[in-house]
PDB file of N, CA and C in Angstrom:
ATOM      1  N   MET A   1     -36.607  -5.833 -12.606  1.00  0.00           N
ATOM      2  CA  MET A   1     -35.529  -5.167 -13.355  1.00  0.00           C
ATOM      3  C   MET A   1     -34.559  -5.946 -13.612  1.00  0.00           C
ATOM      4  N   GLU A   2     -34.176  -5.673 -14.874  1.00  0.00           N
ATOM      5  CA  GLU A   2     -32.988  -6.247 -15.442  1.00  0.00           C
ATOM      6  C   GLU A   2     -31.548  -5.625 -14.276  1.00  0.00           C
ATOM      7  N   GLN A   3     -30.669  -6.458 -14.088  1.00  0.00           N
ATOM      8  CA  GLN A   3     -29.848  -6.225 -13.413  1.00  0.00           C
ATOM      9  C   GLN A   3     -28.421  -5.836 -14.348  1.00  0.00           C
ATOM     10  N   ALA A   4     -28.092  -4.884 -14.476  1.00  0.00           N
ATOM     11  CA  ALA A   4     -26.913  -4.386 -15.430  1.00  0.00           C
ATOM     12  C   ALA A   4     -25.886  -3.225 -14.807  1.00  0.00           C
ATOM     13  N   ILE A   5     -24.872  -3.119 -15.201  1.00  0.00           N
ATOM     14  CA  ILE A   5     -23.486  -1.980 -14.856  1.00  0.00           C
ATOM     15  C   ILE A   5     -23.622  -1.379 -16.264  1.00  0.00           C
ATOM     16  N   PHE A   6     -23.941   0.082 -16.145  1.00  0.00           N
ATOM     17  CA  PHE A   6     -23.619   0.734 -17.344  1.00  0.00           C
ATOM     18  C   PHE A   6     -22.337   1.455 -17.266  1.00  0.00           C
ATOM     19  N   LYS A   7     -21.736   1.374 -18.185  1.00  0.00           N
ATOM     20  CA  LYS A   7     -20.101   1.822 -18.406  1.00  0.00           C
ATOM     21  C   LYS A   7     -20.027   2.964 -19.409  1.00  0.00           C
ATOM     22  N   ALA A   8     -19.526   3.842 -18.969  1.00  0.00           N
ATOM     23  CA  ALA A   8     -18.924   4.851 -20.276  1.00  0.00           C
ATOM     24  C   ALA A   8     -17.717   5.538 -19.853  1.00  0.00           C
ATOM     25  N   HIS A   9     -17.041   5.770 -21.025  1.00  0.00           N
ATOM     26  CA  HIS A   9     -15.731   6.445 -20.962  1.00  0.00           C
ATOM     27  C   HIS A   9     -15.678   7.841 -21.358  1.00  0.00           C
ATOM     28  N   PHE A  10     -14.977   8.777 -20.310  1.00  0.00           N
ATOM     29  CA  PHE A  10     -14.810  10.517 -20.714  1.00  0.00           C
ATOM     30  C   PHE A  10     -13.796  10.849 -20.516  1.00  0.00           C
ATOM     31  N   VAL A  11     -13.237  12.074 -20.650  1.00  0.00           N
ATOM     32  CA  VAL A  11     -12.332  12.629 -20.053  1.00  0.00           C
ATOM     33  C   VAL A  11     -12.786  13.685 -19.219  1.00  0.00           C
ATOM     34  N   HIS A  12     -12.202  14.104 -18.086  1.00  0.00           N
ATOM     35  CA  HIS A  12     -12.641  14.854 -16.847  1.00  0.00           C
ATOM     36  C   HIS A  12     -12.318  16.292 -17.642  1.00  0.00           C
ATOM     37  N   PRO A  13     -13.235  17.174 -17.458  1.00  0.00           N
ATOM     38  CA  PRO A  13     -13.440  18.325 -18.318  1.00  0.00           C
ATOM     39  C   PRO A  13     -12.271  19.071 -17.429  1.00  0.00           C
ATOM     40  N   LEU A  14     -11.684  19.237 -16.220  1.00  0.00           N
ATOM     41  CA  LEU A  14     -11.126  20.116 -15.666  1.00  0.00           C
ATOM     42  C   LEU A  14      -9.556  19.555 -15.440  1.00  0.00           C
ATOM     43  N   THR A  15      -9.121  18.181 -15.464  1.00  0.00           N
ATOM     44  CA  THR A  15      -8.259  17.774 -15.504  1.00  0.00           C
ATOM     45  C   THR A  15      -7.688  17.008 -16.999  1.00  0.00           C
ATOM     46  N   ASN A  16      -8.732  16.715 -17.931  1.00  0.00           N
ATOM     47  CA  ASN A  16      -8.224  16.165 -19.197  1.00  0.00           C
ATOM     48  C   ASN A  16      -7.561  14.731 -18.864  1.00  0.00           C
ATOM     49  N   VAL A  17      -8.191  14.098 -17.690  1.00  0.00           N
ATOM     50  CA  VAL A  17      -7.832  12.623 -17.463  1.00  0.00           C
ATOM     51  C   VAL A  17      -8.912  11.714 -17.808  1.00  0.00           C
ATOM     52  N   PRO A  18      -8.685  10.824 -18.583  1.00  0.00           N
ATOM     53  CA  PRO A  18      -9.269   9.880 -18.981  1.00  0.00           C
ATOM     54  C   PRO A  18     -10.276   9.026 -17.909  1.00  0.00           C
ATOM     55  N   LEU A  19     -11.678   8.869 -17.590  1.00  0.00           N
ATOM     56  CA  LEU A  19     -12.101   8.235 -16.407  1.00  0.00           C
ATOM     57  C   LEU A  19     -13.169   7.149 -17.371  1.00  0.00           C
ATOM     58  N   ILE A  20     -13.413   6.079 -16.525  1.00  0.00           N
ATOM     59  CA  ILE A  20     -14.462   5.316 -16.604  1.00  0.00           C
ATOM     60  C   ILE A  20     -15.427   5.425 -15.778  1.00  0.00           C
ATOM     61  N   MET A  21     -16.815   5.425 -16.019  1.00  0.00           N
ATOM     62  CA  MET A  21     -17.773   5.718 -15.127  1.00  0.00           C
ATOM     63  C   MET A  21     -18.702   4.240 -15.047  1.00  0.00           C
ATOM     64  N   LEU A  22     -18.871   4.185 -14.147  1.00  0.00           N
ATOM     65  CA  LEU A  22     -20.059   2.870 -13.909  1.00  0.00           C
ATOM     66  C   LEU A  22     -21.222   3.483 -13.138  1.00  0.00           C
ATOM     67  N   TYR A  23     -22.356   2.820 -13.573  1.00  0.00           N
ATOM     68  CA  TYR A  23     -23.768   2.862 -12.870  1.00  0.00           C
ATOM     69  C   TYR A  23     -23.845   1.545 -12.583  1.00  0.00           C
ATOM     70  N   ASN A  24     -24.320   0.882 -11.352  1.00  0.00           N
ATOM     71  CA  ASN A  24     -25.049  -0.125 -11.072  1.00  0.00           C
ATOM     72  C   ASN A  24     -26.307   0.198 -10.965  1.00  0.00           C
ATOM     73  N   ASN A  25     -27.346  -0.312 -11.520  1.00  0.00           N
ATOM     74  CA  ASN A  25     -28.735  -0.121 -11.530  1.00  0.00           C
ATOM     75  C   ASN A  25     -29.559  -0.727 -10.535  1.00  0.00           C
ATOM     76  N   VAL A  26     -28.922  -1.890  -9.944  1.00  0.00           N
ATOM     77  CA  VAL A  26     -29.172  -2.366  -8.853  1.00  0.00           C
ATOM     78  C   VAL A  26     -29.022  -1.750  -7.297  1.00  0.00           C
ATOM     79  N   THR A  27     -27.822  -1.150  -6.953  1.00  0.00           N
ATOM     80  CA  THR A  27     -27.164  -0.451  -6.003  1.00  0.00           C
ATOM     81  C   THR A  27     -27.701   0.770  -6.068  1.00  0.00           C
ATOM     82  N   GLY A  28     -27.692   1.558  -7.433  1.00  0.00           N
ATOM     83  CA  GLY A  28     -28.043   2.841  -7.559  1.00  0.00           C
ATOM     84  C   GLY A  28     -26.949   3.540  -7.512  1.00  0.00           C
ATOM     85  N   LEU A  29     -25.852   3.092  -7.469  1.00  0.00           N
ATOM     86  CA  LEU A  29     -24.540   3.607  -7.461  1.00  0.00           C
ATOM     87  C   LEU A  29     -23.699   3.984  -8.455  1.00  0.00           C
ATOM     88  N   ILE A  30     -22.946   5.075  -8.504  1.00  0.00           N
ATOM     89  CA  ILE A  30     -22.008   5.437  -9.631  1.00  0.00           C
ATOM     90  C   ILE A  30     -20.686   5.133  -8.850  1.00  0.00           C
ATOM     91  N   SER A  31     -19.696   4.695  -9.628  1.00  0.00           N
ATOM     92  CA  SER A  31     -18.357   5.141  -9.459  1.00  0.00           C
ATOM     93  C   SER A  31     -17.284   5.719 -10.446  1.00  0.00           C
ATOM     94  N   PHE A  32     -16.472   6.043 -10.359  1.00  0.00           N
ATOM     95  CA  PHE A  32     -15.537   6.646 -11.032  1.00  0.00           C
ATOM     96  C   PHE A  32     -14.072   5.789 -11.032  1.00  0.00           C
ATOM     97  N   GLU A  33     -13.378   5.317 -12.141  1.00  0.00           N
ATOM     98  CA  GLU A  33     -12.138   5.143 -12.021  1.00  0.00           C
ATOM     99  C   GLU A  33     -11.096   5.790 -13.053  1.00  0.00           C
ATOM    100  N   ARG A  34      -9.765   5.655 -12.918  1.00  0.00           N
ATOM    101  CA  ARG A  34      -9.232   6.210 -14.268  1.00  0.00           C
ATOM    102  C   ARG A  34      -9.195   4.868 -15.217  1.00  0.00           C
ATOM    103  N   ASP A  35      -8.978   5.582 -16.722  1.00  0.00           N
ATOM    104  CA  ASP A  35      -8.955   4.815 -17.444  1.00  0.00           C
ATOM    105  C   ASP A  35      -7.340   4.619 -17.554  1.00  0.00           C
ATOM    106  N   GLU A  36      -6.890   3.283 -16.891  1.00  0.00           N
ATOM    107  CA  GLU A  36      -5.283   3.505 -17.078  1.00  0.00           C
ATOM    108  C   GLU A  36      -4.957   2.657 -18.284  1.00  0.00           C
ATOM    109  N   GLU A  37      -5.742   2.427 -19.240  1.00  0.00           N
ATOM    110  CA  GLU A  37      -5.285   1.610 -20.513  1.00  0.00           C
ATOM    111  C   GLU A  37      -5.083   2.772 -21.376  1.00  0.00           C
ATOM    112  N   VAL A  38      -5.979   3.863 -21.211  1.00  0.00           N
ATOM    113  CA  VAL A  38      -5.662   4.944 -22.427  1.00  0.00           C
ATOM    114  C   VAL A  38      -4.596   5.928 -21.587  1.00  0.00           C
ATOM    115  N   ILE A  39      -4.752   6.098 -20.585  1.00  0.00           N
ATOM    116  CA  ILE A  39      -3.453   6.747 -19.789  1.00  0.00           C
ATOM    117  C   ILE A  39      -2.238   6.357 -20.251  1.00  0.00           C
ATOM    118  N   LYS A  40      -1.899   5.096 -20.279  1.00  0.00           N
ATOM    119  CA  LYS A  40      -0.913   4.449 -20.301  1.00  0.00           C
ATOM    120  C   LYS A  40      -0.369   4.577 -21.998  1.00  0.00           C
ATOM    121  N   VAL A  41      -1.240   4.787 -22.948  1.00  0.00           N
ATOM    122  CA  VAL A  41      -0.981   4.929 -24.177  1.00  0.00           C
ATOM    123  C   VAL A  41      -0.712   6.310 -24.752  1.00  0.00           C
ATOM    124  N   ILE A  42      -1.432   7.468 -23.873  1.00  0.00           N
ATOM    125  CA  ILE A  42      -1.220   8.678 -23.864  1.00  0.00           C
ATOM    126  C   ILE A  42       0.357   9.205 -23.380  1.00  0.00           C
ATOM    127  N   THR A  43       0.490   8.612 -22.423  1.00  0.00           N
ATOM    128  CA  THR A  43       1.894   8.669 -21.710  1.00  0.00           C
ATOM    129  C   THR A  43       3.166   8.220 -22.281  1.00  0.00           C
ATOM    130  N   SER A  44       2.732   6.963 -23.370  1.00  0.00           N
ATOM    131  CA  SER A  44       4.137   6.582 -23.941  1.00  0.00           C
ATOM    132  C   SER A  44       4.253   7.234 -25.229  1.00  0.00           C
ATOM    133  N   MET A  45       3.316   7.879 -25.683  1.00  0.00           N
ATOM    134  CA  MET A  45       3.242   8.770 -26.661  1.00  0.00           C
ATOM    135  C   MET A  45       4.266  10.288 -26.899  1.00  0.00           C
ATOM    136  N   LYS A  46       4.972  10.284 -25.737  1.00  0.00           N
ATOM    137  CA  LYS A  46       5.365  11.552 -25.308  1.00  0.00           C
ATOM    138  C   LYS A  46       6.646  12.183 -26.601  1.00  0.00           C
ATOM    139  N   ASP A  47       6.962  11.541 -27.162  1.00  0.00           N
ATOM    140  CA  ASP A  47       7.230  12.178 -28.536  1.00  0.00           C
ATOM    141  C   ASP A  47       6.490  12.981 -29.624  1.00  0.00           C
ATOM    142  N   ILE A  48       5.163  12.572 -29.272  1.00  0.00           N
ATOM    143  CA  ILE A  48       4.066  13.180 -30.124  1.00  0.00           C
ATOM    144  C   ILE A  48       3.284  14.221 -29.087  1.00  0.00           C
ATOM    145  N   ILE A  49       2.959  13.408 -28.097  1.00  0.00           N
ATOM    146  CA  ILE A  49       2.118  14.289 -27.314  1.00  0.00           C
ATOM    147  C   ILE A  49       2.760  15.040 -26.271  1.00  0.00           C
ATOM    148  N   PRO A  50       2.552  16.495 -25.728  1.00  0.00           N
ATOM    149  CA  PRO A  50       3.351  17.012 -24.947  1.00  0.00           C
ATOM    150  C   PRO A  50       3.401  16.441 -23.546  1.00  0.00           C
ATOM    151  N   GLU A  51       4.614  16.447 -22.716  1.00  0.00           N
ATOM    152  CA  GLU A  51       4.341  15.601 -21.339  1.00  0.00           C
ATOM    153  C   GLU A  51       3.283  16.283 -20.603  1.00  0.00           C
ATOM    154  N   GLU A  52       2.812  17.631 -20.782  1.00  0.00           N
ATOM    155  CA  GLU A  52       1.776  18.071 -20.019  1.00  0.00           C
ATOM    156  C   GLU A  52       0.664  17.961 -20.142  1.00  0.00           C
ATOM    157  N   VAL A  53       0.113  17.021 -20.886  1.00  0.00           N
ATOM    158  CA  VAL A  53      -0.952  16.597 -21.341  1.00  0.00           C
ATOM    159  C   VAL A  53      -1.597  15.810 -19.987  1.00  0.00           C
ATOM    160  N   ILE A  54      -0.871  14.648 -19.543  1.00  0.00           N
ATOM    161  CA  ILE A  54      -1.356  13.992 -18.363  1.00  0.00           C
ATOM    162  C   ILE A  54      -0.190  14.035 -17.562  1.00  0.00           C
ATOM    163  N   THR A  55      -0.294  14.885 -16.487  1.00  0.00           N
ATOM    164  CA  THR A  55       1.087  14.963 -15.590  1.00  0.00           C
ATOM    165  C   THR A  55       0.148  14.243 -14.070  1.00  0.00           C
ATOM    166  N   GLU A  56       1.203  13.965 -13.129  1.00  0.00           N
ATOM    167  CA  GLU A  56       1.296  13.426 -11.742  1.00  0.00           C
ATOM    168  C   GLU A  56       0.046  14.465 -11.058  1.00  0.00           C
ATOM    169  N   GLU A  57       0.054  15.521 -11.397  1.00  0.00           N
ATOM    170  CA  GLU A  57      -0.538  16.598 -10.501  1.00  0.00           C
ATOM    171  C   GLU A  57      -2.205  16.394 -11.253  1.00  0.00           C
ATOM    172  N   LYS A  58      -2.253  16.467 -12.321  1.00  0.00           N
ATOM    173  CA  LYS A  58      -3.593  16.468 -12.963  1.00  0.00           C
ATOM    174  C   LYS A  58      -3.976  15.064 -12.490  1.00  0.00           C
ATOM    175  N   LEU A  59      -3.514  13.604 -12.326  1.00  0.00           N
ATOM    176  CA  LEU A  59      -3.958  12.513 -12.147  1.00  0.00           C
ATOM    177  C   LEU A  59      -4.407  12.708 -10.662  1.00  0.00           C
ATOM    178  N   SER A  60      -3.598  13.065  -9.796  1.00  0.00           N
ATOM    179  CA  SER A  60      -3.884  13.443  -8.324  1.00  0.00           C
ATOM    180  C   SER A  60      -5.413  14.276  -8.100  1.00  0.00           C
ATOM    181  N   LYS A  61      -5.646  15.128  -8.898  1.00  0.00           N
ATOM    182  CA  LYS A  61      -6.734  16.234  -8.646  1.00  0.00           C
ATOM    183  C   LYS A  61      -8.235  15.246  -9.017  1.00  0.00           C
ATOM    184  N   THR A  62      -7.804  14.210  -9.704  1.00  0.00           N
ATOM    185  CA  THR A  62      -9.154  13.123  -9.741  1.00  0.00           C
ATOM    186  C   THR A  62      -9.117  11.901  -8.888  1.00  0.00           C
ATOM    187  N   ASP A  63      -8.216  11.917  -7.914  1.00  0.00           N
ATOM    188  CA  ASP A  63      -8.270  10.737  -7.047  1.00  0.00           C
ATOM    189  C   ASP A  63      -9.388  11.179  -6.063  1.00  0.00           C
ATOM    190  N   HIS A  64      -9.908  12.390  -5.778  1.00  0.00           N
ATOM    191  CA  HIS A  64     -11.130  12.228  -4.863  1.00  0.00           C
ATOM    192  C   HIS A  64     -12.243  12.075  -5.371  1.00  0.00           C
ATOM    193  N   ILE A  65     -12.318  11.715  -7.016  1.00  0.00           N
ATOM    194  CA  ILE A  65     -13.820  11.506  -7.486  1.00  0.00           C
ATOM    195  C   ILE A  65     -13.890  10.013  -7.465  1.00  0.00           C
ATOM    196  N   CYS A  66     -12.940   9.389  -7.569  1.00  0.00           N
ATOM    197  CA  CYS A  66     -12.661   7.766  -7.803  1.00  0.00           C
ATOM    198  C   CYS A  66     -12.751   7.102  -6.242  1.00  0.00           C
ATOM    199  N   ARG A  67     -12.514   8.143  -5.304  1.00  0.00           N
ATOM    200  CA  ARG A  67     -12.618   7.277  -4.007  1.00  0.00           C
ATOM    201  C   ARG A  67     -13.817   6.952  -3.180  1.00  0.00           C
ATOM    202  N   SER A  68     -14.912   7.729  -3.883  1.00  0.00           N
ATOM    203  CA  SER A  68     -16.150   7.452  -3.370  1.00  0.00           C
ATOM    204  C   SER A  68     -17.160   6.977  -4.458  1.00  0.00           C
ATOM    205  N   ALA A  69     -18.266   6.464  -4.135  1.00  0.00           N
ATOM    206  CA  ALA A  69     -19.883   6.142  -4.688  1.00  0.00           C
ATOM    207  C   ALA A  69     -20.768   7.216  -4.272  1.00  0.00           C
ATOM    208  N   TYR A  70     -21.219   7.501  -5.718  1.00  0.00           N
ATOM    209  CA  TYR A  70     -22.218   8.327  -5.710  1.00  0.00           C
ATOM    210  C   TYR A  70     -23.704   8.068  -5.898  1.00  0.00           C
ATOM    211  N   PRO A  71     -24.685   8.362  -5.333  1.00  0.00           N
ATOM    212  CA  PRO A  71     -26.238   8.020  -5.363  1.00  0.00           C
ATOM    213  C   PRO A  71     -26.489   8.278  -6.802  1.00  0.00           C
ATOM    214  N   ALA A  72     -27.580   7.345  -7.296  1.00  0.00           N
ATOM    215  CA  ALA A  72     -28.341   7.944  -8.551  1.00  0.00           C
ATOM    216  C   ALA A  72     -29.369   6.802  -8.658  1.00  0.00           C
ATOM    217  N   ASN A  73     -30.417   7.205  -9.285  1.00  0.00           N
ATOM    218  CA  ASN A  73     -31.869   6.474  -9.050  1.00  0.00           C
ATOM    219  C   ASN A  73     -31.922   6.056 -10.645  1.00  0.00           C
ATOM    220  N   SER A  74     -31.514   6.685 -11.502  1.00  0.00           N
ATOM    221  CA  SER A  74     -31.614   6.253 -13.018  1.00  0.00           C
ATOM    222  C   SER A  74     -30.418   6.672 -13.475  1.00  0.00           C
ATOM    223  N   LEU A  75     -30.558   5.973 -15.193  1.00  0.00           N
ATOM    224  CA  LEU A  75     -29.420   6.505 -15.888  1.00  0.00           C
ATOM    225  C   LEU A  75     -29.622   7.515 -16.121  1.00  0.00           C
ATOM    226  N   ASP A  76     -30.604   8.616 -15.984  1.00  0.00           N
ATOM    227  CA  ASP A  76     -30.886   9.764 -16.565  1.00  0.00           C
ATOM    228  C   ASP A  76     -30.344  10.710 -15.571  1.00  0.00           C
ATOM    229  N   ASP A  77     -30.405  10.196 -13.926  1.00  0.00           N
ATOM    230  CA  ASP A  77     -29.427  10.958 -13.046  1.00  0.00           C
ATOM    231  C   ASP A  77     -28.296  10.969 -13.324  1.00  0.00           C
ATOM    232  N   VAL A  78     -27.704   9.621 -13.731  1.00  0.00           N
ATOM    233  CA  VAL A  78     -26.052   9.763 -14.225  1.00  0.00           C
ATOM    234  C   VAL A  78     -26.214  10.736 -15.369  1.00  0.00           C
ATOM    235  N   LYS A  79     -26.569  10.722 -16.356  1.00  0.00           N
ATOM    236  CA  LYS A  79     -26.248  12.197 -17.419  1.00  0.00           C
ATOM    237  C   LYS A  79     -26.522  13.509 -16.940  1.00  0.00           C
ATOM    238  N   GLU A  80     -27.388  13.215 -15.881  1.00  0.00           N
ATOM    239  CA  GLU A  80     -27.523  14.707 -15.148  1.00  0.00           C
ATOM    240  C   GLU A  80     -26.379  15.318 -14.519  1.00  0.00           C
ATOM    241  N   LEU A  81     -25.897  13.889 -13.504  1.00  0.00           N
ATOM    242  CA  LEU A  81     -24.682  14.337 -12.973  1.00  0.00           C
ATOM    243  C   LEU A  81     -23.526  14.722 -13.966  1.00  0.00           C
ATOM    244  N   LEU A  82     -23.307  14.032 -14.983  1.00  0.00           N
ATOM    245  CA  LEU A  82     -22.490  14.473 -16.103  1.00  0.00           C
ATOM    246  C   LEU A  82     -22.458  15.863 -16.584  1.00  0.00           C
ATOM    247  N   GLU A  83     -23.717  16.161 -16.981  1.00  0.00           N
ATOM    248  CA  GLU A  83     -24.004  17.820 -17.285  1.00  0.00           C
ATOM    249  C   GLU A  83     -23.413  18.572 -16.367  1.00  0.00           C
ATOM    250  N   THR A  84     -23.779  18.267 -14.897  1.00  0.00           N
ATOM    251  CA  THR A  84     -23.254  18.922 -13.793  1.00  0.00           C
ATOM    252  C   THR A  84     -21.781  19.488 -13.916  1.00  0.00           C
ATOM    253  N   ILE A  85     -21.065  18.509 -14.296  1.00  0.00           N
ATOM    254  CA  ILE A  85     -19.636  18.509 -13.837  1.00  0.00           C
ATOM    255  C   ILE A  85     -19.167  18.858 -15.235  1.00  0.00           C
ATOM    256  N   GLY A  86     -20.006  19.281 -16.186  1.00  0.00           N
ATOM    257  CA  GLY A  86     -19.546  20.189 -17.596  1.00  0.00           C
ATOM    258  C   GLY A  86     -19.049  19.073 -18.646  1.00  0.00           C
ATOM    259  N   ILE A  87     -19.943  17.830 -18.668  1.00  0.00           N
ATOM    260  CA  ILE A  87     -19.603  16.827 -19.848  1.00  0.00           C
ATOM    261  C   ILE A  87     -21.093  16.971 -20.665  1.00  0.00           C
ATOM    262  N   ASN A  88     -20.890  17.089 -21.681  1.00  0.00           N
ATOM    263  CA  ASN A  88     -22.417  16.869 -22.692  1.00  0.00           C
ATOM    264  C   ASN A  88     -22.344  15.319 -22.765  1.00  0.00           C
ATOM    265  N   ALA A  89     -23.505  14.877 -22.032  1.00  0.00           N
ATOM    266  CA  ALA A  89     -23.825  13.705 -21.802  1.00  0.00           C
ATOM    267  C   ALA A  89     -24.544  12.990 -23.297  1.00  0.00           C
ATOM    268  N   LYS A  90     -24.718  14.013 -23.943  1.00  0.00           N
ATOM    269  CA  LYS A  90     -25.468  13.416 -25.465  1.00  0.00           C
ATOM    270  C   LYS A  90     -24.198  12.864 -26.259  1.00  0.00           C
ATOM    271  N   HIS A  91     -22.878  13.048 -25.976  1.00  0.00           N
ATOM    272  CA  HIS A  91     -21.618  12.698 -26.617  1.00  0.00           C
ATOM    273  C   HIS A  91     -21.200  11.153 -25.510  1.00  0.00           C
ATOM    274  N   ILE A  92     -21.590  10.704 -24.749  1.00  0.00           N
ATOM    275  CA  ILE A  92     -21.226   9.884 -23.966  1.00  0.00           C
ATOM    276  C   ILE A  92     -22.376   8.658 -24.407  1.00  0.00           C
ATOM    277  N   LYS A  93     -21.770   7.539 -24.537  1.00  0.00           N
ATOM    278  CA  LYS A  93     -22.249   5.971 -25.070  1.00  0.00           C
ATOM    279  C   LYS A  93     -22.025   5.512 -23.786  1.00  0.00           C
ATOM    280  N   PHE A  94     -23.349   4.848 -23.432  1.00  0.00           N
ATOM    281  CA  PHE A  94     -23.192   4.045 -21.997  1.00  0.00           C
ATOM    282  C   PHE A  94     -23.225   2.545 -22.850  1.00  0.00           C
ATOM    283  N   GLU A  95     -22.421   1.494 -22.182  1.00  0.00           N
ATOM    284  CA  GLU A  95     -22.267   0.128 -22.488  1.00  0.00           C
ATOM    285  C   GLU A  95     -22.708  -0.621 -21.373  1.00  0.00           C
ATOM    286  N   LYS A  96     -23.878  -1.290 -21.807  1.00  0.00           N
ATOM    287  CA  LYS A  96     -24.866  -2.235 -20.806  1.00  0.00           C
ATOM    288  C   LYS A  96     -24.097  -3.749 -20.609  1.00  0.00           C
ATOM    289  N   ILE A  97     -23.617  -3.750 -19.392  1.00  0.00           N
ATOM    290  CA  ILE A  97     -22.807  -5.356 -19.110  1.00  0.00           C
ATOM    291  C   ILE A  97     -24.069  -5.810 -17.929  1.00  0.00           C
ATOM    292  N   PHE A  98     -24.571  -7.060 -18.535  1.00  0.00           N
ATOM    293  CA  PHE A  98     -25.477  -7.437 -17.814  1.00  0.00           C
ATOM    294  C   PHE A  98     -24.867  -8.484 -16.444  1.00  0.00           C
ATOM    295  N   LEU A  99     -25.503  -8.399 -15.362  1.00  0.00           N
ATOM    296  CA  LEU A  99     -25.101  -9.396 -14.366  1.00  0.00           C
ATOM    297  C   LEU A  99     -26.152 -10.202 -14.413  1.00  0.00           C
ATOM    298  N   HIS A 100     -25.525 -11.672 -13.662  1.00  0.00           N
ATOM    299  CA  HIS A 100     -25.979 -12.925 -13.626  1.00  0.00           C
ATOM    300  C   HIS A 100     -26.552 -12.993 -12.169  1.00  0.00           C
TER     301      HIS A 100
END
């Protein structure tokens, strides 16, 4: 089995906070982190985008998802998890990062 991490970017459906999802096919774990680069761009455009798009409250609501790792046996399980939280997995593109 090739060792890889699959990476995808998406917006959390309840908070509208940009997140990064990582799936390690060796450990079988999914993790999430905030997409700080995108958040920085959005918050720097306050004159164009309303301030309430990304608030501290919305950011804090994503904290719990970023603190844990979640098990998955395959990339199909990852896509199923996305569907469960309200994201159309067909619109998510996974980038494969090979491990040495």
